Amino acid sequence: MYGAPRNATVISATNDCVLWALDRVTFRRILMDYTFTRRRMYEKFLAEVPLLSSLNDYERSKIADALESCKYPAGTTIINEGDVGEAFYLLESGEASAYKKGVEAPVKNYKKGDYFGGLALLNDKPRAASVVCDTDVKVATLGKDGFQRLLGPVEGIMRRERYEGVEVRE
């Protein structure tokens, strides 16, 4: 696939097996089509996220390429209060709520386009709240390195929202 000699030989454990093969050109075309479709889907989603509205198309495409999608069933805890922050989350679908220890009611409710998990990454501090899925949820995640590298242009907005009390997103 990559113009290099094979690293290993594969031997079937049984005689009853079917082998599927793709040539290099077909493999690369499928990979490129998938990457392009995935990028366009995330670019469209990111354009609808208010936090990212100040970014240009190029910046959004870089973020789109770095995102990983995760699904969680209702009732699942996505992040736990006090844990080390490892990722930033953008809610693609579903609803979730943030809870703080000692407080019965949710301190924040999340819907499509909302985000959470960024303050722990910005401040290098433990998670300020737990986030639990109210419904089945799909999130786009950005790891700590990607977050710090790609979301620099919106860091000021996130800090302002947190410290001016506009919304507690963590």
N, C-alpha and C. Protein backbone atom coordinates (compact mmCIF):
# COMPACT_ATOMS: atom_id res chain seq x y z
N MET A 1 0.80 -1.20 0.00
CA MET A 1 0.00 0.00 0.00
C MET A 1 0.85 1.27 0.00
N TYR A 2 2.00 1.20 0.59
CA TYR A 2 2.81 2.40 0.76
C TYR A 2 4.14 2.33 0.02
N GLY A 3 4.26 1.46 -0.97
CA GLY A 3 5.47 1.37 -1.76
C GLY A 3 6.66 0.81 -1.01
N ALA A 4 6.42 0.01 0.01
CA ALA A 4 7.50 -0.59 0.80
C ALA A 4 7.33 -2.11 0.79
N PRO A 5 8.41 -2.85 1.03
CA PRO A 5 8.29 -4.31 1.10
C PRO A 5 7.36 -4.74 2.24
N ARG A 6 6.75 -5.87 2.07
CA ARG A 6 5.84 -6.41 3.10
C ARG A 6 6.61 -6.70 4.38
N ASN A 7 5.96 -6.46 5.51
CA ASN A 7 6.58 -6.69 6.82
C ASN A 7 6.32 -8.09 7.36
N ALA A 8 5.26 -8.73 6.85
CA ALA A 8 4.89 -10.02 7.44
C ALA A 8 4.20 -10.88 6.39
N THR A 9 4.12 -12.16 6.69
CA THR A 9 3.37 -13.10 5.87
C THR A 9 2.18 -13.55 6.70
N VAL A 10 1.02 -13.60 6.06
CA VAL A 10 -0.19 -14.03 6.76
C VAL A 10 -0.55 -15.43 6.27
N ILE A 11 -0.76 -16.34 7.21
CA ILE A 11 -1.12 -17.72 6.89
C ILE A 11 -2.47 -18.01 7.53
N SER A 12 -3.39 -18.56 6.75
CA SER A 12 -4.72 -18.88 7.26
C SER A 12 -4.63 -20.04 8.24
N ALA A 13 -5.38 -19.94 9.32
CA ALA A 13 -5.41 -21.00 10.33
C ALA A 13 -6.31 -22.15 9.89
N THR A 14 -7.18 -21.90 8.89
CA THR A 14 -8.05 -22.95 8.35
C THR A 14 -7.97 -22.91 6.83
N ASN A 15 -8.47 -23.98 6.21
CA ASN A 15 -8.51 -24.02 4.75
C ASN A 15 -9.76 -23.34 4.21
N ASP A 16 -10.74 -23.15 5.08
CA ASP A 16 -12.02 -22.55 4.69
C ASP A 16 -11.98 -21.05 4.97
N CYS A 17 -11.41 -20.30 4.05
CA CYS A 17 -11.30 -18.86 4.28
C CYS A 17 -11.47 -18.12 2.97
N VAL A 18 -11.95 -16.88 3.07
CA VAL A 18 -12.12 -16.01 1.91
C VAL A 18 -11.23 -14.80 2.12
N LEU A 19 -10.48 -14.45 1.10
CA LEU A 19 -9.57 -13.31 1.18
C LEU A 19 -10.08 -12.20 0.27
N TRP A 20 -10.17 -11.03 0.82
CA TRP A 20 -10.55 -9.85 0.05
C TRP A 20 -9.29 -9.00 -0.10
N ALA A 21 -9.11 -8.43 -1.26
CA ALA A 21 -7.92 -7.61 -1.50
C ALA A 21 -8.32 -6.32 -2.21
N LEU A 22 -7.60 -5.27 -1.89
CA LEU A 22 -7.75 -3.98 -2.55
C LEU A 22 -6.40 -3.57 -3.11
N ASP A 23 -6.42 -3.05 -4.32
CA ASP A 23 -5.16 -2.52 -4.85
C ASP A 23 -4.91 -1.15 -4.20
N ARG A 24 -3.70 -0.67 -4.33
CA ARG A 24 -3.27 0.57 -3.68
C ARG A 24 -4.14 1.77 -4.09
N VAL A 25 -4.43 1.90 -5.38
CA VAL A 25 -5.20 3.05 -5.88
C VAL A 25 -6.60 3.04 -5.28
N THR A 26 -7.26 1.89 -5.29
CA THR A 26 -8.61 1.79 -4.73
C THR A 26 -8.60 2.09 -3.24
N PHE A 27 -7.65 1.51 -2.52
CA PHE A 27 -7.54 1.75 -1.08
C PHE A 27 -7.39 3.24 -0.79
N ARG A 28 -6.50 3.89 -1.50
CA ARG A 28 -6.26 5.32 -1.27
C ARG A 28 -7.48 6.15 -1.64
N ARG A 29 -8.18 5.79 -2.71
CA ARG A 29 -9.38 6.52 -3.11
C ARG A 29 -10.46 6.41 -2.03
N ILE A 30 -10.66 5.21 -1.50
CA ILE A 30 -11.65 5.01 -0.44
C ILE A 30 -11.27 5.83 0.79
N LEU A 31 -10.01 5.78 1.15
CA LEU A 31 -9.53 6.54 2.31
C LEU A 31 -9.71 8.04 2.11
N MET A 32 -9.39 8.54 0.92
CA MET A 32 -9.53 9.98 0.63
C MET A 32 -11.00 10.39 0.64
N ASP A 33 -11.88 9.56 0.04
CA ASP A 33 -13.31 9.87 0.02
C ASP A 33 -13.86 9.93 1.44
N TYR A 34 -13.48 8.96 2.26
CA TYR A 34 -13.94 8.94 3.65
C TYR A 34 -13.45 10.18 4.40
N THR A 35 -12.18 10.50 4.24
CA THR A 35 -11.60 11.65 4.93
C THR A 35 -12.28 12.94 4.50
N PHE A 36 -12.52 13.09 3.20
CA PHE A 36 -13.17 14.29 2.68
C PHE A 36 -14.60 14.41 3.21
N THR A 37 -15.37 13.31 3.17
CA THR A 37 -16.75 13.32 3.65
C THR A 37 -16.80 13.63 5.14
N ARG A 38 -15.93 13.02 5.90
CA ARG A 38 -15.87 13.25 7.35
C ARG A 38 -15.52 14.71 7.65
N ARG A 39 -14.55 15.25 6.93
CA ARG A 39 -14.14 16.65 7.13
C ARG A 39 -15.31 17.58 6.85
N ARG A 40 -16.01 17.37 5.74
CA ARG A 40 -17.14 18.25 5.38
C ARG A 40 -18.24 18.18 6.44
N MET A 41 -18.52 16.96 6.94
CA MET A 41 -19.55 16.80 7.97
C MET A 41 -19.18 17.61 9.21
N TYR A 42 -17.92 17.49 9.66
CA TYR A 42 -17.50 18.21 10.85
C TYR A 42 -17.38 19.71 10.61
N GLU A 43 -16.97 20.12 9.42
CA GLU A 43 -16.90 21.56 9.13
C GLU A 43 -18.28 22.19 9.23
N LYS A 44 -19.29 21.49 8.70
CA LYS A 44 -20.67 21.99 8.77
C LYS A 44 -21.10 22.09 10.24
N PHE A 45 -20.84 21.05 11.01
CA PHE A 45 -21.20 21.05 12.43
C PHE A 45 -20.47 22.17 13.17
N LEU A 46 -19.17 22.31 12.95
CA LEU A 46 -18.38 23.33 13.65
C LEU A 46 -18.81 24.74 13.30
N ALA A 47 -19.29 24.95 12.09
CA ALA A 47 -19.77 26.28 11.68
C ALA A 47 -21.00 26.70 12.47
N GLU A 48 -21.73 25.71 13.03
CA GLU A 48 -22.94 25.99 13.80
C GLU A 48 -22.67 26.15 15.29
N VAL A 49 -21.44 25.91 15.72
CA VAL A 49 -21.08 26.03 17.14
C VAL A 49 -20.71 27.49 17.42
N PRO A 50 -21.50 28.18 18.27
CA PRO A 50 -21.25 29.61 18.52
C PRO A 50 -19.81 29.92 18.95
N LEU A 51 -19.22 29.09 19.77
CA LEU A 51 -17.85 29.32 20.24
C LEU A 51 -16.87 29.44 19.08
N LEU A 52 -17.12 28.71 18.01
CA LEU A 52 -16.17 28.64 16.91
C LEU A 52 -16.53 29.55 15.74
N SER A 53 -17.54 30.39 15.92
CA SER A 53 -17.99 31.25 14.82
C SER A 53 -16.94 32.25 14.36
N SER A 54 -16.01 32.60 15.23
CA SER A 54 -14.97 33.57 14.85
C SER A 54 -13.83 32.94 14.05
N LEU A 55 -13.81 31.62 13.95
CA LEU A 55 -12.74 30.95 13.20
C LEU A 55 -13.01 31.00 11.70
N ASN A 56 -11.94 31.01 10.91
CA ASN A 56 -12.12 30.96 9.46
C ASN A 56 -12.24 29.50 9.01
N ASP A 57 -12.55 29.31 7.73
CA ASP A 57 -12.77 27.96 7.20
C ASP A 57 -11.55 27.06 7.37
N TYR A 58 -10.36 27.61 7.16
CA TYR A 58 -9.13 26.82 7.30
C TYR A 58 -8.96 26.33 8.74
N GLU A 59 -9.18 27.22 9.71
CA GLU A 59 -9.05 26.83 11.12
C GLU A 59 -10.06 25.75 11.48
N ARG A 60 -11.30 25.90 10.99
CA ARG A 60 -12.32 24.88 11.26
C ARG A 60 -11.97 23.55 10.60
N SER A 61 -11.38 23.58 9.41
CA SER A 61 -11.02 22.32 8.75
C SER A 61 -9.91 21.60 9.51
N LYS A 62 -8.98 22.33 10.09
CA LYS A 62 -7.92 21.72 10.90
C LYS A 62 -8.51 21.05 12.13
N ILE A 63 -9.46 21.72 12.77
CA ILE A 63 -10.13 21.13 13.94
C ILE A 63 -10.92 19.90 13.51
N ALA A 64 -11.65 20.00 12.38
CA ALA A 64 -12.45 18.87 11.89
C ALA A 64 -11.59 17.63 11.69
N ASP A 65 -10.39 17.80 11.17
CA ASP A 65 -9.50 16.66 10.93
C ASP A 65 -9.02 16.02 12.23
N ALA A 66 -8.98 16.78 13.31
CA ALA A 66 -8.45 16.28 14.58
C ALA A 66 -9.52 15.66 15.48
N LEU A 67 -10.79 15.86 15.16
CA LEU A 67 -11.87 15.38 16.03
C LEU A 67 -12.05 13.87 15.92
N GLU A 68 -12.43 13.28 17.04
CA GLU A 68 -12.80 11.87 17.11
C GLU A 68 -14.22 11.81 17.65
N SER A 69 -15.03 10.95 17.09
CA SER A 69 -16.43 10.83 17.51
C SER A 69 -16.59 9.70 18.52
N CYS A 70 -17.39 9.94 19.55
CA CYS A 70 -17.68 8.93 20.57
C CYS A 70 -19.18 8.95 20.87
N LYS A 71 -19.73 7.77 21.12
CA LYS A 71 -21.14 7.66 21.50
C LYS A 71 -21.23 7.13 22.92
N TYR A 72 -22.20 7.67 23.67
CA TYR A 72 -22.44 7.24 25.04
C TYR A 72 -23.93 7.01 25.24
N PRO A 73 -24.32 5.91 25.89
CA PRO A 73 -25.74 5.70 26.18
C PRO A 73 -26.21 6.58 27.34
N ALA A 74 -27.51 6.79 27.41
CA ALA A 74 -28.10 7.58 28.49
C ALA A 74 -27.64 7.02 29.84
N GLY A 75 -27.36 7.92 30.77
CA GLY A 75 -26.93 7.53 32.11
C GLY A 75 -25.43 7.40 32.28
N THR A 76 -24.68 7.45 31.20
CA THR A 76 -23.23 7.31 31.26
C THR A 76 -22.59 8.62 31.72
N THR A 77 -21.59 8.51 32.59
CA THR A 77 -20.81 9.67 33.00
C THR A 77 -19.66 9.84 32.02
N ILE A 78 -19.63 10.99 31.34
CA ILE A 78 -18.58 11.25 30.35
C ILE A 78 -17.31 11.72 31.03
N ILE A 79 -17.45 12.67 31.95
CA ILE A 79 -16.29 13.13 32.73
C ILE A 79 -16.69 13.18 34.20
N ASN A 80 -15.73 12.96 35.07
CA ASN A 80 -15.96 12.97 36.51
C ASN A 80 -15.29 14.17 37.16
N GLU A 81 -16.03 14.81 38.05
CA GLU A 81 -15.48 15.93 38.82
C GLU A 81 -14.21 15.47 39.54
N GLY A 82 -13.16 16.26 39.43
CA GLY A 82 -11.90 15.95 40.10
C GLY A 82 -10.89 15.21 39.24
N ASP A 83 -11.35 14.62 38.12
CA ASP A 83 -10.42 13.90 37.24
C ASP A 83 -9.53 14.88 36.48
N VAL A 84 -8.41 14.37 36.01
CA VAL A 84 -7.51 15.16 35.17
C VAL A 84 -8.16 15.32 33.80
N GLY A 85 -8.09 16.52 33.24
CA GLY A 85 -8.67 16.79 31.93
C GLY A 85 -7.79 16.25 30.82
N GLU A 86 -8.35 15.40 29.97
CA GLU A 86 -7.61 14.83 28.85
C GLU A 86 -8.21 15.18 27.51
N ALA A 87 -9.46 15.70 27.49
CA ALA A 87 -10.11 15.99 26.21
C ALA A 87 -11.14 17.10 26.36
N PHE A 88 -11.46 17.71 25.23
CA PHE A 88 -12.48 18.73 25.08
C PHE A 88 -13.62 18.08 24.32
N TYR A 89 -14.86 18.39 24.67
CA TYR A 89 -16.02 17.73 24.09
C TYR A 89 -16.97 18.73 23.45
N LEU A 90 -17.44 18.40 22.24
CA LEU A 90 -18.48 19.16 21.55
C LEU A 90 -19.66 18.21 21.38
N LEU A 91 -20.83 18.62 21.86
CA LEU A 91 -22.01 17.76 21.81
C LEU A 91 -22.60 17.78 20.40
N GLU A 92 -22.53 16.65 19.71
CA GLU A 92 -23.07 16.53 18.35
C GLU A 92 -24.55 16.24 18.36
N SER A 93 -25.00 15.40 19.29
CA SER A 93 -26.42 15.09 19.41
C SER A 93 -26.70 14.60 20.82
N GLY A 94 -27.97 14.71 21.21
CA GLY A 94 -28.38 14.30 22.54
C GLY A 94 -28.31 15.43 23.55
N GLU A 95 -28.51 15.07 24.81
CA GLU A 95 -28.49 16.04 25.90
C GLU A 95 -27.71 15.47 27.08
N ALA A 96 -27.03 16.35 27.78
CA ALA A 96 -26.25 15.96 28.96
C ALA A 96 -26.37 17.06 30.00
N SER A 97 -26.00 16.73 31.23
CA SER A 97 -26.05 17.70 32.33
C SER A 97 -24.78 17.62 33.16
N ALA A 98 -24.40 18.78 33.71
CA ALA A 98 -23.22 18.85 34.58
C ALA A 98 -23.69 18.90 36.03
N TYR A 99 -23.00 18.14 36.87
CA TYR A 99 -23.32 18.08 38.30
C TYR A 99 -22.06 18.34 39.11
N LYS A 100 -22.25 19.04 40.23
CA LYS A 100 -21.15 19.26 41.17
C LYS A 100 -21.48 18.51 42.46
N LYS A 101 -20.45 18.02 43.12
CA LYS A 101 -20.64 17.31 44.38
C LYS A 101 -21.34 18.23 45.38
N GLY A 102 -22.32 17.68 46.08
CA GLY A 102 -23.05 18.45 47.08
C GLY A 102 -24.22 19.25 46.53
N VAL A 103 -24.43 19.22 45.22
CA VAL A 103 -25.54 19.94 44.60
C VAL A 103 -26.41 18.91 43.88
N GLU A 104 -27.70 18.83 44.26
CA GLU A 104 -28.58 17.81 43.69
C GLU A 104 -28.97 18.10 42.24
N ALA A 105 -29.31 19.34 41.96
CA ALA A 105 -29.77 19.71 40.61
C ALA A 105 -28.57 19.93 39.69
N PRO A 106 -28.78 19.76 38.40
CA PRO A 106 -27.69 20.04 37.46
C PRO A 106 -27.29 21.51 37.52
N VAL A 107 -26.00 21.77 37.39
CA VAL A 107 -25.51 23.15 37.37
C VAL A 107 -25.49 23.69 35.94
N LYS A 108 -25.60 22.79 34.96
CA LYS A 108 -25.61 23.20 33.55
C LYS A 108 -26.21 22.08 32.72
N ASN A 109 -27.01 22.45 31.73
CA ASN A 109 -27.56 21.48 30.78
C ASN A 109 -26.95 21.74 29.41
N TYR A 110 -26.65 20.67 28.70
CA TYR A 110 -26.01 20.78 27.39
C TYR A 110 -26.90 20.19 26.31
N LYS A 111 -26.86 20.83 25.14
CA LYS A 111 -27.58 20.36 23.96
C LYS A 111 -26.64 20.43 22.76
N LYS A 112 -27.13 20.06 21.59
CA LYS A 112 -26.31 20.07 20.38
C LYS A 112 -25.61 21.41 20.20
N GLY A 113 -24.30 21.35 19.94
CA GLY A 113 -23.51 22.56 19.71
C GLY A 113 -22.84 23.10 20.96
N ASP A 114 -23.25 22.62 22.14
CA ASP A 114 -22.60 23.06 23.38
C ASP A 114 -21.29 22.29 23.56
N TYR A 115 -20.46 22.81 24.43
CA TYR A 115 -19.16 22.19 24.68
C TYR A 115 -18.89 22.13 26.17
N PHE A 116 -17.98 21.23 26.54
CA PHE A 116 -17.55 21.13 27.94
C PHE A 116 -16.18 20.48 27.98
N GLY A 117 -15.54 20.64 29.12
CA GLY A 117 -14.24 20.01 29.32
C GLY A 117 -13.05 20.89 29.00
N GLY A 118 -13.28 22.09 28.53
CA GLY A 118 -12.18 22.95 28.11
C GLY A 118 -11.44 23.64 29.23
N LEU A 119 -12.15 23.99 30.29
CA LEU A 119 -11.50 24.76 31.36
C LEU A 119 -10.41 23.97 32.07
N ALA A 120 -10.64 22.68 32.25
CA ALA A 120 -9.60 21.85 32.88
C ALA A 120 -8.34 21.83 32.02
N LEU A 121 -8.52 21.89 30.71
CA LEU A 121 -7.37 21.90 29.80
C LEU A 121 -6.71 23.27 29.77
N LEU A 122 -7.52 24.33 29.78
CA LEU A 122 -6.97 25.69 29.77
C LEU A 122 -6.18 25.99 31.03
N ASN A 123 -6.75 25.58 32.16
CA ASN A 123 -6.16 25.93 33.46
C ASN A 123 -5.27 24.85 34.04
N ASP A 124 -5.19 23.70 33.37
CA ASP A 124 -4.41 22.57 33.86
C ASP A 124 -4.81 22.22 35.29
N LYS A 125 -6.12 22.15 35.51
CA LYS A 125 -6.69 21.82 36.83
C LYS A 125 -7.65 20.65 36.67
N PRO A 126 -8.02 20.01 37.78
CA PRO A 126 -8.98 18.90 37.69
C PRO A 126 -10.35 19.37 37.19
N ARG A 127 -11.13 18.42 36.69
CA ARG A 127 -12.48 18.71 36.22
C ARG A 127 -13.30 19.37 37.32
N ALA A 128 -14.03 20.42 36.96
CA ALA A 128 -14.82 21.18 37.93
C ALA A 128 -16.18 20.56 38.18
N ALA A 129 -16.63 19.67 37.31
CA ALA A 129 -17.95 19.05 37.45
C ALA A 129 -17.96 17.72 36.72
N SER A 130 -18.96 16.91 37.02
CA SER A 130 -19.19 15.67 36.28
C SER A 130 -20.23 15.95 35.21
N VAL A 131 -20.09 15.31 34.06
CA VAL A 131 -21.08 15.45 32.99
C VAL A 131 -21.67 14.08 32.72
N VAL A 132 -23.02 14.01 32.81
CA VAL A 132 -23.75 12.75 32.67
C VAL A 132 -24.73 12.88 31.50
N CYS A 133 -24.85 11.82 30.71
CA CYS A 133 -25.76 11.81 29.55
C CYS A 133 -27.21 11.69 30.03
N ASP A 134 -28.05 12.63 29.62
CA ASP A 134 -29.49 12.54 29.90
C ASP A 134 -30.17 11.65 28.87
N THR A 135 -29.65 11.64 27.65
CA THR A 135 -30.14 10.81 26.55
C THR A 135 -28.92 10.14 25.93
N ASP A 136 -29.15 9.33 24.91
CA ASP A 136 -28.01 8.83 24.15
C ASP A 136 -27.30 10.04 23.55
N VAL A 137 -25.98 10.03 23.61
CA VAL A 137 -25.20 11.21 23.24
C VAL A 137 -24.11 10.83 22.25
N LYS A 138 -23.87 11.74 21.32
CA LYS A 138 -22.71 11.63 20.43
C LYS A 138 -21.90 12.90 20.62
N VAL A 139 -20.61 12.73 20.91
CA VAL A 139 -19.72 13.87 21.10
C VAL A 139 -18.55 13.78 20.14
N ALA A 140 -18.05 14.94 19.77
CA ALA A 140 -16.80 15.03 19.03
C ALA A 140 -15.76 15.44 20.06
N THR A 141 -14.68 14.70 20.14
CA THR A 141 -13.66 14.99 21.15
C THR A 141 -12.38 15.47 20.49
N LEU A 142 -11.70 16.33 21.22
CA LEU A 142 -10.41 16.85 20.80
C LEU A 142 -9.47 16.65 21.97
N GLY A 143 -8.42 15.87 21.78
CA GLY A 143 -7.46 15.60 22.85
C GLY A 143 -6.75 16.85 23.32
N LYS A 144 -6.08 16.73 24.44
CA LYS A 144 -5.43 17.88 25.07
C LYS A 144 -4.43 18.58 24.14
N ASP A 145 -3.59 17.82 23.45
CA ASP A 145 -2.61 18.42 22.55
C ASP A 145 -3.28 19.17 21.41
N GLY A 146 -4.26 18.53 20.79
CA GLY A 146 -4.99 19.18 19.70
C GLY A 146 -5.74 20.40 20.17
N PHE A 147 -6.31 20.32 21.36
CA PHE A 147 -7.04 21.45 21.93
C PHE A 147 -6.11 22.65 22.09
N GLN A 148 -4.96 22.42 22.68
CA GLN A 148 -4.02 23.52 22.92
C GLN A 148 -3.45 24.07 21.61
N ARG A 149 -3.25 23.21 20.63
CA ARG A 149 -2.68 23.63 19.36
C ARG A 149 -3.70 24.32 18.46
N LEU A 150 -4.94 23.81 18.44
CA LEU A 150 -5.91 24.27 17.45
C LEU A 150 -6.93 25.28 17.96
N LEU A 151 -7.16 25.32 19.27
CA LEU A 151 -8.20 26.22 19.77
C LEU A 151 -7.66 27.48 20.41
N GLY A 152 -6.43 27.82 20.13
CA GLY A 152 -5.85 29.06 20.63
C GLY A 152 -6.70 30.28 20.32
N PRO A 153 -7.25 30.41 19.08
CA PRO A 153 -8.03 31.59 18.74
C PRO A 153 -9.29 31.78 19.59
N VAL A 154 -9.82 30.72 20.21
CA VAL A 154 -11.05 30.88 21.00
C VAL A 154 -10.79 30.79 22.51
N GLU A 155 -9.53 30.66 22.89
CA GLU A 155 -9.21 30.55 24.32
C GLU A 155 -9.72 31.75 25.10
N GLY A 156 -9.55 32.94 24.57
CA GLY A 156 -10.01 34.14 25.25
C GLY A 156 -11.51 34.14 25.46
N ILE A 157 -12.25 33.66 24.47
CA ILE A 157 -13.71 33.60 24.59
C ILE A 157 -14.10 32.64 25.71
N MET A 158 -13.45 31.49 25.77
CA MET A 158 -13.77 30.50 26.80
C MET A 158 -13.46 31.05 28.19
N ARG A 159 -12.33 31.70 28.33
CA ARG A 159 -11.98 32.28 29.63
C ARG A 159 -12.96 33.38 30.02
N ARG A 160 -13.34 34.22 29.07
CA ARG A 160 -14.27 35.31 29.36
C ARG A 160 -15.62 34.76 29.79
N GLU A 161 -16.12 33.74 29.09
CA GLU A 161 -17.40 33.14 29.47
C GLU A 161 -17.34 32.58 30.88
N ARG A 162 -16.24 31.98 31.23
CA ARG A 162 -16.09 31.38 32.56
C ARG A 162 -16.00 32.45 33.64
N TYR A 163 -15.17 33.45 33.43
CA TYR A 163 -14.90 34.40 34.50
C TYR A 163 -15.86 35.57 34.54
N GLU A 164 -16.57 35.85 33.45
CA GLU A 164 -17.58 36.89 33.49
C GLU A 164 -18.93 36.32 33.88
N GLY A 165 -18.98 35.00 34.05
CA GLY A 165 -20.21 34.37 34.50
C GLY A 165 -21.27 34.25 33.42
N VAL A 166 -20.90 34.39 32.15
CA VAL A 166 -21.88 34.25 31.08
C VAL A 166 -22.47 32.85 31.14
N GLU A 167 -21.63 31.84 31.19
CA GLU A 167 -22.07 30.46 31.35
C GLU A 167 -20.94 29.66 31.96
N VAL A 168 -21.30 28.77 32.85
CA VAL A 168 -20.30 27.84 33.40
C VAL A 168 -20.34 26.62 32.51
N ARG A 169 -19.31 26.44 31.71
CA ARG A 169 -19.29 25.35 30.72
C ARG A 169 -18.56 24.12 31.23
N GLU A 170 -17.90 24.17 32.34
CA GLU A 170 -17.11 23.04 32.83
C GLU A 170 -17.95 22.17 33.72
